[in-house]
Amino acid sequence: MSIRIIICCILIFFIQVASAGNNTNVWVAKYSTFVESNGSILFENYLIKSKISNTAIATVTVYKDLNQIGTGDFNVNDFKKYGPIGITLLGIKGNYSWISISEPEDKDIWRPLARTQLKWGETYSVEDYTFKVDTFGTDSVNLIISNKTIPETAVFSSDSFKDYRNLRVAVSNINNTGFIDIEFLTNKVPEIKAVVSTDKDEYLPDEPVNVTINVSSDFVQNIVGINVDAGPAAEMQPEHFAATGFTGTQSFESQMTRLPVNSTVTISAEIETRDFYNNPYITTVSKDILIAPVISINKSVPADTDDENVTVRLYVYNSGSNNGSIHVHDTLPDELGSKELDWDIELGSKMTKTFEYEVTPQKPGLYILPVASALSDGQLSVTRKVKMMVHMPYIGITKTAANNENQTEVNLAINNTGDRPAEVKVSDTIPQGYLLAAGSTAWSGKLEAGESAAFRYTLQGISKNIPAASATYRDMRGSVRYAQSNAIEPGVKDVTGNIDKEEKEPTLSSKPSEIVLSMILWFIAIAGIITGVTLVVHLLAAIKRRK
């Protein structure tokens, strides 16, 4: 059976006679309620009984001072007078009749909507109506009023008005030179705001769900009814609410029990308002909630934390009637250590087991922890992914070096890229065999989030190997963390992209005997060259003499 909640806040006005100005004599609801079929309502010295015939008709019997003064069938929205009171059948919801009891009262139900000066031959549109000045009389004006149906011509005198459903047209000045002052008022119910809320989004199968419907309006509502459908498997108590004189913000609460296991339940609220002419306006809002399996698991972490070590909690619950053998599994992501966690437990009926472990984030930022699971008798239950925003300082150190003549200049830049301040102490180590020529190898100070600092020192001599600098830093919570710079090594690119290369002098590695042999060979070669040149010269001279 579909469970439906009807939450009703009623101020009902039925127009009887329009009076001058903005006041109207209306029937104002003094009491409203839902009455079960064959049940009764007691109001002052009146007793009203209702018996439902079908989804649209109920028989209503009225008693005054225990004497019956009337009975008859009411269709939904029927209004009937019984002496100084009026009774309205607003609706039939399941086995309940929605009834209001009203009394006549003068009320200012009209609100200003627009004002304009309308000239002859011009048109003006407001809501679904268009107005045009047709002709002027001595002390009157004829207006052509049209909407989506049929146009009509109406005669207005100065300071007169006419009503068109939710629209009142008031003419305040008729100028025979060709214009009128015209004001428009409305009694249409403004749009209301409504929200369906629960205290959380996920529930255990045997856990009650507290449902709240918050309804708000800046104006007095003549009728507000809320119909909430929680689905056929759920049960709501109480089912019906009623109130009169609704304005501002009001909350209506119910409790959902008998939840469907391992499912999603949609809570839908249909909010119905009616204007003073009993015209309906409907708004619908909804919310989904999750109902866990019999063996359920939940995972939680702080949503926002400055802790160095953050606790992760797993809650395993057995809502069944028997003991369960359960395997629990969780995983740490890479940025938190990349580890698999497993437990095997026996859990009794209606019992809970809590697992806790700590993670140590190394950097600030948003961490998303994966789902954990609980497996029992082939049924798998999983948690949602959980998020935590970690806040901390985060110190980075960059070291660079440059050789200048017979000295080495070392520069260190310290940056706090975290979102919390830190007290920082940096110390560097001088390579063995080198002396400090200028500056200091240590620095300390406070760095705000996003702030940076730098210091330098000079070594005597050309150093090719400079070890990494180290730092300790402390946050506002007293947690101490460590940082280290890069090292500078030969042949390794530094942050500027330069490669540090060692220059080597050429060396001779020949033996003395090899040197002597080389000299003899050089002497023979030179002698051969000289002998060859001499022979060539001698031959050329002999040839010349013969000629």
Protein backbone atom coordinates (compact mmCIF):
# COMPACT_ATOMS: atom_id res chain seq x y z
CA MET A 1 0.00 0.00 0.00
CA SER A 2 1.38 3.41 -0.93
CA ILE A 3 1.99 5.54 2.12
CA ARG A 4 1.15 9.22 1.61
CA ILE A 5 1.48 12.10 4.03
CA ILE A 6 -0.80 15.07 3.63
CA ILE A 7 0.45 18.15 5.43
CA CYS A 8 -2.04 20.93 5.23
CA CYS A 9 -1.89 24.53 6.27
CA ILE A 10 -5.08 26.32 5.45
CA LEU A 11 -6.45 29.80 5.19
CA ILE A 12 -9.45 29.49 2.91
CA PHE A 13 -11.31 32.46 1.52
CA PHE A 14 -14.41 32.25 -0.63
CA ILE A 15 -15.42 35.54 -2.20
CA GLN A 16 -18.94 36.60 -1.26
CA VAL A 17 -19.28 40.35 -1.89
CA ALA A 18 -16.69 42.77 -3.25
CA SER A 19 -16.57 45.91 -1.16
CA ALA A 20 -15.12 49.28 -2.06
CA GLY A 21 -11.35 49.65 -1.84
CA ASN A 22 -9.14 46.60 -1.41
CA ASN A 23 -11.10 44.87 1.39
CA THR A 24 -13.22 41.88 0.45
CA ASN A 25 -15.64 39.90 2.56
CA VAL A 26 -14.33 36.34 2.48
CA TRP A 27 -14.77 33.07 4.32
CA VAL A 28 -11.66 32.59 6.46
CA ALA A 29 -10.73 29.08 7.57
CA LYS A 30 -10.73 28.88 11.37
CA TYR A 31 -10.04 25.18 11.66
CA SER A 32 -8.91 22.41 9.34
CA THR A 33 -8.05 18.77 9.77
CA PHE A 34 -8.07 15.33 8.18
CA VAL A 35 -10.80 13.08 9.42
CA GLU A 36 -10.90 9.34 8.86
CA SER A 37 -13.97 7.98 7.11
CA ASN A 38 -16.87 7.73 9.61
CA GLY A 39 -14.88 9.94 11.96
CA SER A 40 -15.89 13.34 13.34
CA ILE A 41 -14.58 16.89 13.89
CA LEU A 42 -15.42 19.02 16.92
CA PHE A 43 -15.39 22.81 16.39
CA GLU A 44 -16.86 25.05 19.10
CA ASN A 45 -20.45 23.76 19.51
CA TYR A 46 -20.47 22.03 16.10
CA LEU A 47 -19.83 18.37 15.31
CA ILE A 48 -19.05 17.39 11.70
CA LYS A 49 -19.00 13.78 10.52
CA SER A 50 -17.69 12.59 7.15
CA LYS A 51 -18.16 9.28 5.36
CA ILE A 52 -16.22 8.71 2.15
CA SER A 53 -18.24 7.38 -0.78
CA ASN A 54 -15.48 7.34 -3.42
CA THR A 55 -12.36 9.30 -4.40
CA ALA A 56 -14.43 12.40 -5.23
CA ILE A 57 -17.50 12.35 -2.93
CA ALA A 58 -18.07 12.23 0.82
CA THR A 59 -21.28 12.49 2.85
CA VAL A 60 -21.02 15.25 5.45
CA THR A 61 -23.39 15.54 8.41
CA VAL A 62 -23.41 18.67 10.62
CA TYR A 63 -24.61 18.87 14.23
CA LYS A 64 -25.06 21.95 16.41
CA ASP A 65 -25.44 21.45 20.14
CA LEU A 66 -25.83 17.73 19.33
CA ASN A 67 -28.79 18.46 17.04
CA GLN A 68 -28.44 17.58 13.37
CA ILE A 69 -28.79 20.69 11.21
CA GLY A 70 -27.82 19.28 7.83
CA THR A 71 -26.48 16.34 5.83
CA GLY A 72 -25.59 15.79 2.20
CA ASP A 73 -23.04 14.69 -0.36
CA PHE A 74 -20.03 16.94 -0.97
CA ASN A 75 -17.95 16.81 -4.10
CA VAL A 76 -14.31 17.81 -3.67
CA ASN A 77 -14.09 21.64 -3.42
CA ASP A 78 -17.81 22.02 -2.53
CA PHE A 79 -18.58 24.82 -0.05
CA LYS A 80 -21.83 24.94 1.97
CA LYS A 81 -23.07 27.33 4.65
CA TYR A 82 -24.58 26.20 7.94
CA GLY A 83 -25.65 29.37 9.72
CA PRO A 84 -22.58 31.43 10.63
CA ILE A 85 -20.07 28.78 9.50
CA GLY A 86 -19.11 27.36 6.14
CA ILE A 87 -17.77 23.87 5.45
CA THR A 88 -15.53 22.91 2.53
CA LEU A 89 -14.48 19.45 1.38
CA LEU A 90 -10.97 20.27 0.14
CA GLY A 91 -10.00 16.78 -0.89
CA ILE A 92 -10.10 13.05 -0.26
CA LYS A 93 -6.75 11.41 0.45
CA GLY A 94 -7.00 7.66 0.84
CA ASN A 95 -9.33 6.97 3.77
CA TYR A 96 -9.28 10.58 4.98
CA SER A 97 -11.43 13.61 4.15
CA TRP A 98 -9.70 16.99 4.12
CA ILE A 99 -12.21 19.43 5.62
CA SER A 100 -12.11 23.10 6.64
CA ILE A 101 -14.50 25.20 8.72
CA SER A 102 -14.73 28.91 7.84
CA GLU A 103 -16.35 32.12 9.05
CA PRO A 104 -16.95 35.37 7.08
CA GLU A 105 -14.46 38.20 7.58
CA ASP A 106 -13.36 41.41 5.81
CA LYS A 107 -9.84 40.93 4.47
CA ASP A 108 -7.43 42.98 2.37
CA ILE A 109 -6.49 40.25 -0.06
CA TRP A 110 -5.20 42.44 -2.91
CA ARG A 111 -1.54 43.33 -3.49
CA PRO A 112 -0.23 46.01 -5.90
CA LEU A 113 0.98 44.54 -9.16
CA ALA A 114 1.52 47.44 -11.61
CA ARG A 115 0.54 51.05 -12.30
CA THR A 116 0.58 52.97 -15.59
CA GLN A 117 -0.81 55.97 -17.45
CA LEU A 118 -2.65 54.68 -20.49
CA LYS A 119 -3.20 57.02 -23.44
CA TRP A 120 -5.96 56.76 -26.02
CA GLY A 121 -4.91 54.46 -28.86
CA GLU A 122 -2.20 52.69 -26.79
CA THR A 123 -2.29 49.19 -25.30
CA TYR A 124 -0.89 47.80 -22.06
CA SER A 125 -0.42 44.13 -21.10
CA VAL A 126 -0.29 42.62 -17.63
CA GLU A 127 -0.58 38.96 -16.62
CA ASP A 128 -2.68 37.35 -19.42
CA TYR A 129 -4.68 40.50 -20.21
CA THR A 130 -4.32 43.36 -22.69
CA PHE A 131 -5.98 46.77 -22.10
CA LYS A 132 -6.78 49.50 -24.63
CA VAL A 133 -8.68 52.80 -24.24
CA ASP A 134 -11.58 52.71 -26.69
CA THR A 135 -13.63 55.87 -26.08
CA PHE A 136 -14.05 58.59 -23.46
CA GLY A 137 -17.39 59.62 -21.97
CA THR A 138 -18.15 62.69 -19.88
CA ASP A 139 -16.94 61.10 -16.63
CA SER A 140 -16.15 57.60 -17.82
CA VAL A 141 -13.95 55.59 -20.13
CA ASN A 142 -14.55 52.46 -22.17
CA LEU A 143 -11.72 49.91 -21.94
CA ILE A 144 -11.29 46.99 -24.32
CA ILE A 145 -10.07 44.10 -22.15
CA SER A 146 -8.92 40.93 -23.89
CA ASN A 147 -7.19 37.71 -22.96
CA LYS A 148 -6.73 34.32 -24.59
CA THR A 149 -10.49 33.76 -24.78
CA ILE A 150 -12.95 36.56 -25.67
CA PRO A 151 -12.41 40.35 -25.55
CA GLU A 152 -14.93 42.57 -23.80
CA THR A 153 -15.57 46.29 -23.42
CA ALA A 154 -16.03 47.55 -19.86
CA VAL A 155 -17.12 50.97 -18.64
CA PHE A 156 -15.14 52.54 -15.79
CA SER A 157 -15.89 55.72 -13.90
CA SER A 158 -13.23 57.56 -11.92
CA ASP A 159 -12.13 55.70 -8.75
CA SER A 160 -13.89 52.49 -9.76
CA PHE A 161 -12.58 48.94 -10.10
CA LYS A 162 -13.53 45.57 -11.56
CA ASP A 163 -12.21 42.09 -10.78
CA TYR A 164 -11.08 39.56 -13.37
CA ARG A 165 -10.31 36.35 -11.47
CA ASN A 166 -6.95 37.07 -9.78
CA LEU A 167 -6.66 40.56 -11.29
CA ARG A 168 -8.29 43.78 -10.03
CA VAL A 169 -8.36 46.77 -12.41
CA ALA A 170 -8.78 50.19 -10.74
CA VAL A 171 -9.14 53.46 -12.68
CA SER A 172 -8.25 56.49 -10.53
CA ASN A 173 -8.12 59.41 -12.97
CA ILE A 174 -9.93 60.04 -16.26
CA ASN A 175 -8.50 62.96 -18.22
CA ASN A 176 -10.59 64.03 -21.20
CA THR A 177 -7.44 65.18 -23.01
CA GLY A 178 -6.82 61.52 -23.77
CA PHE A 179 -5.33 59.48 -20.90
CA ILE A 180 -6.27 57.61 -17.72
CA ASP A 181 -4.37 56.48 -14.61
CA ILE A 182 -4.86 52.76 -14.08
CA GLU A 183 -3.64 50.43 -11.31
CA PHE A 184 -3.54 46.63 -11.28
CA LEU A 185 -3.72 44.49 -8.14
CA THR A 186 -3.55 40.73 -7.63
CA ASN A 187 -4.56 38.18 -5.04
CA LYS A 188 -2.64 35.38 -6.73
CA VAL A 189 -0.66 33.32 -4.25
CA PRO A 190 3.09 33.88 -4.74
CA GLU A 191 5.33 30.91 -5.29
CA ILE A 192 6.27 29.19 -2.06
CA LYS A 193 9.56 27.51 -1.20
CA ALA A 194 9.74 23.97 0.13
CA VAL A 195 12.50 21.50 1.00
CA VAL A 196 12.38 17.86 2.03
CA SER A 197 15.20 17.07 4.46
CA THR A 198 16.45 14.16 6.54
CA ASP A 199 19.16 14.11 9.18
CA LYS A 200 21.43 12.08 6.86
CA ASP A 201 21.46 10.43 3.44
CA GLU A 202 22.04 6.76 4.27
CA TYR A 203 20.24 4.59 6.83
CA LEU A 204 20.44 1.13 8.31
CA PRO A 205 17.45 -1.15 7.60
CA ASP A 206 16.23 -1.05 11.23
CA GLU A 207 16.92 2.66 11.72
CA PRO A 208 14.05 5.20 11.78
CA VAL A 209 14.18 8.04 9.25
CA ASN A 210 13.15 11.46 10.53
CA VAL A 211 11.61 13.43 7.65
CA THR A 212 11.13 17.20 7.78
CA ILE A 213 9.24 19.28 5.24
CA ASN A 214 10.13 22.97 5.51
CA VAL A 215 7.65 25.33 3.82
CA SER A 216 8.11 29.10 3.62
CA SER A 217 6.19 32.04 2.16
CA ASP A 218 6.43 35.80 2.54
CA PHE A 219 2.63 36.13 2.27
CA VAL A 220 -0.27 34.55 4.11
CA GLN A 221 -1.35 31.47 2.20
CA ASN A 222 -5.04 30.73 1.92
CA ILE A 223 -4.43 27.01 1.35
CA VAL A 224 -1.27 24.94 1.58
CA GLY A 225 -1.37 21.16 1.37
CA ILE A 226 1.65 18.84 1.28
CA ASN A 227 1.34 15.31 -0.03
CA VAL A 228 4.43 13.18 0.61
CA ASP A 229 4.91 9.81 -1.09
CA ALA A 230 7.59 7.56 0.39
CA GLY A 231 6.91 4.51 -1.78
CA PRO A 232 4.88 1.34 -1.21
CA ALA A 233 7.35 -0.44 1.10
CA ALA A 234 7.82 2.34 3.66
CA GLU A 235 5.59 3.34 6.56
CA MET A 236 5.12 6.91 7.81
CA GLN A 237 3.81 8.06 11.17
CA PRO A 238 1.99 10.37 11.56
CA GLU A 239 0.46 10.50 8.12
CA HIS A 240 -1.48 13.78 8.26
CA PHE A 241 -0.98 17.31 9.56
CA ALA A 242 -3.15 20.42 9.49
CA ALA A 243 -2.70 24.10 10.42
CA THR A 244 -4.31 27.48 9.80
CA GLY A 245 -2.90 30.99 9.48
CA PHE A 246 0.18 29.90 7.55
CA THR A 247 2.91 32.46 6.88
CA GLY A 248 6.70 32.69 7.22
CA THR A 249 8.44 29.33 7.64
CA GLN A 250 7.00 26.23 9.25
CA SER A 251 8.37 22.71 9.61
CA PHE A 252 6.35 19.51 9.63
CA GLU A 253 7.93 16.28 10.85
CA SER A 254 7.18 12.62 10.40
CA GLN A 255 9.07 9.38 10.88
CA MET A 256 9.61 6.65 8.32
CA THR A 257 9.89 3.05 9.51
CA ARG A 258 9.83 -0.43 7.91
CA LEU A 259 12.52 0.45 5.39
CA PRO A 260 13.15 -1.66 2.26
CA VAL A 261 16.59 -3.31 2.59
CA ASN A 262 19.39 -2.41 0.14
CA SER A 263 17.38 0.11 -1.85
CA THR A 264 16.95 3.77 -2.75
CA VAL A 265 13.81 5.45 -1.41
CA THR A 266 12.55 8.66 -3.02
CA ILE A 267 10.63 11.00 -0.73
CA SER A 268 8.48 13.22 -2.95
CA ALA A 269 6.50 16.15 -1.57
CA GLU A 270 3.72 17.75 -3.61
CA ILE A 271 2.90 21.18 -2.20
CA GLU A 272 -0.51 22.52 -3.24
CA THR A 273 -1.50 26.13 -2.66
CA ARG A 274 -4.77 27.84 -3.59
CA ASP A 275 -5.58 31.48 -4.05
CA PHE A 276 -8.61 33.24 -2.59
CA TYR A 277 -10.74 31.99 -5.47
CA ASN A 278 -9.74 28.40 -4.68
CA ASN A 279 -7.50 28.05 -7.77
CA PRO A 280 -4.76 25.43 -7.21
CA TYR A 281 -0.99 25.92 -7.66
CA ILE A 282 1.32 22.92 -7.31
CA THR A 283 5.04 22.65 -6.52
CA THR A 284 6.94 19.35 -6.21
CA VAL A 285 10.21 18.66 -4.37
CA SER A 286 11.94 15.36 -3.56
CA LYS A 287 14.94 13.73 -1.92
CA ASP A 288 16.57 10.29 -2.29
CA ILE A 289 17.88 8.30 0.66
CA LEU A 290 19.81 5.02 0.65
CA ILE A 291 18.84 2.01 2.75
CA ALA A 292 21.80 -0.26 3.51
CA PRO A 293 21.92 -4.08 3.18
CA VAL A 294 21.50 -6.37 6.21
CA ILE A 295 25.28 -6.40 6.66
CA SER A 296 26.27 -2.78 6.17
CA ILE A 297 29.54 -0.89 6.28
CA ASN A 298 30.20 2.82 6.64
CA LYS A 299 33.46 4.73 6.24
CA SER A 300 34.25 8.10 7.78
CA VAL A 301 37.12 10.59 7.95
CA PRO A 302 37.22 14.22 9.08
CA ALA A 303 36.02 16.36 6.20
CA ASP A 304 38.52 19.09 7.13
CA THR A 305 41.66 18.51 9.19
CA ASP A 306 45.00 19.97 10.29
CA ASP A 307 46.09 16.74 12.00
CA GLU A 308 49.36 15.11 11.03
CA ASN A 309 47.87 11.64 11.55
CA VAL A 310 44.25 11.30 10.41
CA THR A 311 42.01 8.52 11.75
CA VAL A 312 39.91 6.50 9.29
CA ARG A 313 36.97 4.61 10.80
CA LEU A 314 34.98 1.69 9.42
CA TYR A 315 31.66 0.76 11.04
CA VAL A 316 30.25 -2.70 10.28
CA TYR A 317 26.68 -3.44 11.44
CA ASN A 318 24.59 -6.60 11.37
CA SER A 319 20.90 -5.62 11.28
CA GLY A 320 19.80 -9.22 10.72
CA SER A 321 18.52 -11.73 13.26
CA ASN A 322 21.45 -14.19 12.89
CA ASN A 323 25.20 -14.05 13.47
CA GLY A 324 27.32 -13.32 10.40
CA SER A 325 30.83 -14.21 9.19
CA ILE A 326 32.16 -11.09 7.52
CA HIS A 327 35.28 -10.26 5.50
CA VAL A 328 36.14 -6.55 5.60
CA HIS A 329 38.45 -5.02 2.99
CA ASP A 330 39.86 -1.53 2.53
CA THR A 331 42.54 0.08 0.38
CA LEU A 332 44.92 2.98 0.84
CA PRO A 333 45.50 5.04 -2.32
CA ASP A 334 49.00 5.65 -3.70
CA GLU A 335 49.30 9.10 -2.14
CA LEU A 336 48.68 7.58 1.30
CA GLY A 337 50.93 4.54 1.05
CA SER A 338 49.16 2.13 -1.35
CA LYS A 339 48.24 -0.64 1.08
CA GLU A 340 45.60 -3.40 1.23
CA LEU A 341 43.82 -3.91 4.57
CA ASP A 342 41.79 -7.02 5.46
CA TRP A 343 39.91 -8.28 8.52
CA ASP A 344 37.75 -11.36 9.19
CA ILE A 345 35.17 -11.17 11.98
CA GLU A 346 32.12 -12.87 13.47
CA LEU A 347 29.37 -10.34 14.21
CA GLY A 348 26.27 -11.04 16.27
CA SER A 349 22.74 -9.88 15.54
CA LYS A 350 22.23 -6.12 16.04
CA MET A 351 25.94 -5.74 16.82
CA THR A 352 28.45 -3.21 15.50
CA LYS A 353 32.21 -3.56 14.99
CA THR A 354 34.46 -0.52 14.53
CA PHE A 355 37.86 -0.60 12.80
CA GLU A 356 40.30 2.30 13.05
CA TYR A 357 43.60 3.05 11.36
CA GLU A 358 45.65 6.16 10.74
CA VAL A 359 46.95 7.74 7.55
CA THR A 360 49.66 10.39 7.34
CA PRO A 361 49.19 12.76 4.40
CA GLN A 362 52.46 14.22 3.16
CA LYS A 363 51.03 17.18 1.29
CA PRO A 364 48.10 19.56 1.75
CA GLY A 365 45.06 19.25 -0.49
CA LEU A 366 42.01 17.12 -1.19
CA TYR A 367 42.30 13.37 -0.65
CA ILE A 368 39.67 10.91 -1.92
CA LEU A 369 39.66 7.57 -0.13
CA PRO A 370 38.27 4.60 -2.09
CA VAL A 371 35.32 2.46 -1.03
CA ALA A 372 35.63 -0.20 1.65
CA SER A 373 33.61 -3.42 1.49
CA ALA A 374 32.05 -6.06 3.73
CA LEU A 375 31.31 -9.53 2.29
CA SER A 376 28.99 -11.99 4.05
CA ASP A 377 27.24 -15.05 2.59
CA GLY A 378 27.93 -13.82 -0.93
CA GLN A 379 26.31 -10.44 -0.27
CA LEU A 380 28.63 -7.47 -0.79
CA SER A 381 28.11 -4.13 0.92
CA VAL A 382 30.29 -1.16 0.02
CA THR A 383 30.80 2.30 1.45
CA ARG A 384 30.88 5.55 -0.43
CA LYS A 385 34.13 7.21 -1.34
CA VAL A 386 35.02 9.72 1.36
CA LYS A 387 36.82 13.02 0.99
CA MET A 388 39.08 14.90 3.36
CA MET A 389 40.68 18.29 2.93
CA VAL A 390 44.11 18.32 4.59
CA HIS A 391 45.68 21.61 5.70
CA MET A 392 49.39 22.00 6.49
CA PRO A 393 52.49 23.97 5.57
CA TYR A 394 54.61 22.36 2.85
CA ILE A 395 58.24 23.43 2.53
CA GLY A 396 60.31 22.94 -0.61
CA ILE A 397 64.02 23.85 -0.98
CA THR A 398 65.85 24.42 -4.26
CA LYS A 399 69.67 24.58 -4.35
CA THR A 400 71.75 26.06 -7.18
CA ALA A 401 75.51 26.72 -7.45
CA ALA A 402 77.78 28.79 -9.69
CA ASN A 403 81.60 28.85 -10.02
CA ASN A 404 83.12 32.32 -9.98
CA GLU A 405 86.92 32.56 -10.38
CA ASN A 406 88.24 30.38 -7.55
CA GLN A 407 85.02 30.39 -5.52
CA THR A 408 81.66 28.57 -5.49
CA GLU A 409 78.48 30.53 -4.80
CA VAL A 410 75.61 28.44 -3.37
CA ASN A 411 72.00 29.74 -3.42
CA LEU A 412 69.05 28.20 -1.56
CA ALA A 413 65.37 29.16 -2.16
CA ILE A 414 62.77 28.11 0.44
CA ASN A 415 59.05 28.06 -0.52
CA ASN A 416 55.94 27.34 1.55
CA THR A 417 53.44 25.99 -0.99
CA GLY A 418 51.02 24.83 1.73
CA ASP A 419 48.02 26.64 3.20
CA ARG A 420 49.28 27.08 6.77
CA PRO A 421 52.26 29.06 8.20
CA ALA A 422 55.42 27.32 9.43
CA GLU A 423 58.52 28.01 11.52
CA VAL A 424 61.42 26.81 9.37
CA LYS A 425 65.05 25.92 10.15
CA VAL A 426 67.38 25.18 7.20
CA SER A 427 70.95 23.89 7.55
CA ASP A 428 73.44 23.01 4.81
CA THR A 429 76.66 20.97 4.88
CA ILE A 430 79.96 22.23 3.43
CA PRO A 431 81.74 19.62 1.29
CA GLN A 432 84.83 18.11 2.94
CA GLY A 433 88.02 20.03 2.21
CA TYR A 434 86.35 23.38 1.51
CA LEU A 435 86.20 26.50 3.63
CA LEU A 436 83.34 28.98 4.04
CA ALA A 437 84.42 32.25 2.44
CA ALA A 438 81.27 34.33 3.05
CA GLY A 439 77.65 34.04 4.26
CA SER A 440 76.02 31.39 6.43
CA THR A 441 74.99 27.81 5.79
CA ALA A 442 71.91 28.11 8.04
CA TRP A 443 68.63 30.06 7.93
CA SER A 444 65.55 30.18 10.14
CA GLY A 445 62.31 32.14 10.09
CA LYS A 446 58.53 32.03 9.72
CA LEU A 447 56.95 31.54 6.31
CA GLU A 448 53.27 32.24 5.78
CA ALA A 449 51.25 30.17 3.32
CA GLY A 450 52.53 30.95 -0.19
CA GLU A 451 55.55 32.90 1.14
CA SER A 452 59.19 32.30 0.13
CA ALA A 453 62.70 33.19 1.35
CA ALA A 454 66.29 32.77 0.13
CA PHE A 455 69.86 32.85 1.40
CA ARG A 456 73.36 32.27 -0.03
CA TYR A 457 76.92 31.52 0.98
CA THR A 458 80.31 31.28 -0.76
CA LEU A 459 82.90 28.47 -0.61
CA GLN A 460 86.62 28.96 -1.18
CA GLY A 461 87.58 26.89 -4.22
CA ILE A 462 85.71 25.20 -7.06
CA SER A 463 83.35 22.57 -5.63
CA LYS A 464 81.79 20.01 -7.94
CA ASN A 465 79.92 17.98 -5.32
CA ILE A 466 77.57 19.79 -2.94
CA PRO A 467 75.27 17.63 -0.77
CA ALA A 468 71.56 18.32 -0.19
CA ALA A 469 70.47 20.83 2.43
CA SER A 470 67.94 19.73 5.07
CA ALA A 471 65.18 21.55 6.95
CA THR A 472 62.78 21.01 9.82
CA TYR A 473 59.55 22.99 10.07
CA ARG A 474 56.82 23.18 12.69
CA ASP A 475 53.16 24.09 12.21
CA MET A 476 50.65 25.72 14.57
CA ARG A 477 49.59 22.33 15.95
CA GLY A 478 53.17 21.51 16.99
CA SER A 479 53.70 18.88 14.29
CA VAL A 480 57.29 18.74 13.03
CA ARG A 481 58.03 17.79 9.43
CA TYR A 482 61.20 17.51 7.35
CA ALA A 483 62.31 18.72 3.94
CA GLN A 484 65.43 18.27 1.80
CA SER A 485 66.82 20.13 -1.17
CA ASN A 486 68.39 18.71 -4.30
CA ALA A 487 72.11 17.86 -4.32
CA ILE A 488 74.57 19.19 -6.93
CA GLU A 489 76.75 16.52 -8.55
CA PRO A 490 79.14 16.45 -11.56
CA GLY A 491 77.40 15.71 -14.85
CA VAL A 492 73.95 16.23 -13.36
CA LYS A 493 71.69 19.01 -14.59
CA ASP A 494 70.84 21.60 -11.98
CA VAL A 495 67.57 23.53 -12.02
CA THR A 496 68.96 25.97 -14.60
CA GLY A 497 69.65 23.16 -17.08
CA ASN A 498 73.47 23.57 -16.96
CA ILE A 499 75.63 20.48 -16.81
CA ASP A 500 78.58 20.49 -14.44
CA LYS A 501 81.57 18.93 -16.30
CA GLU A 502 85.13 18.29 -15.03
CA GLU A 503 87.97 19.54 -17.30
CA LYS A 504 91.04 17.24 -17.46
CA GLU A 505 94.64 18.11 -18.60
CA PRO A 506 96.10 15.80 -21.30
CA THR A 507 98.74 13.40 -19.94
CA LEU A 508 101.65 11.37 -21.51
CA SER A 509 101.78 7.70 -20.75
CA SER A 510 104.71 6.46 -23.14
CA LYS A 511 107.79 4.54 -21.84
CA PRO A 512 111.43 5.92 -22.34
CA SER A 513 112.43 3.14 -24.83
CA GLU A 514 109.37 3.92 -26.91
CA ILE A 515 110.36 7.59 -26.96
CA VAL A 516 113.98 6.79 -28.19
CA LEU A 517 112.65 4.49 -30.94
CA SER A 518 110.27 7.19 -32.05
CA MET A 519 113.12 9.74 -32.28
CA ILE A 520 115.26 7.35 -34.42
CA LEU A 521 112.40 6.77 -36.80
CA TRP A 522 111.85 10.50 -37.11
CA PHE A 523 115.62 10.96 -37.87
CA ILE A 524 115.59 8.27 -40.59
CA ALA A 525 112.54 9.79 -42.19
CA ILE A 526 114.07 13.26 -42.27
CA ALA A 527 117.38 11.90 -43.70
CA GLY A 528 115.51 10.09 -46.45
CA ILE A 529 113.71 13.26 -47.40
CA ILE A 530 117.00 15.23 -47.62
CA THR A 531 118.69 12.50 -49.74
CA GLY A 532 115.77 12.38 -52.14
CA VAL A 533 115.80 16.13 -52.63
CA THR A 534 119.61 16.08 -53.31
CA LEU A 535 119.27 13.39 -56.00
CA VAL A 536 116.53 15.30 -57.76
CA VAL A 537 118.64 18.47 -57.85
CA HIS A 538 121.70 16.53 -59.18
CA LEU A 539 119.70 14.93 -62.00
CA LEU A 540 118.20 18.24 -63.07
CA ALA A 541 121.73 19.81 -63.27
CA ALA A 542 123.11 16.90 -65.40
CA ILE A 543 120.28 17.17 -67.88
CA LYS A 544 120.89 20.87 -68.26
CA ARG A 545 124.66 20.39 -69.09
CA ARG A 546 123.94 17.88 -71.86
CA LYS A 547 121.74 20.37 -73.59
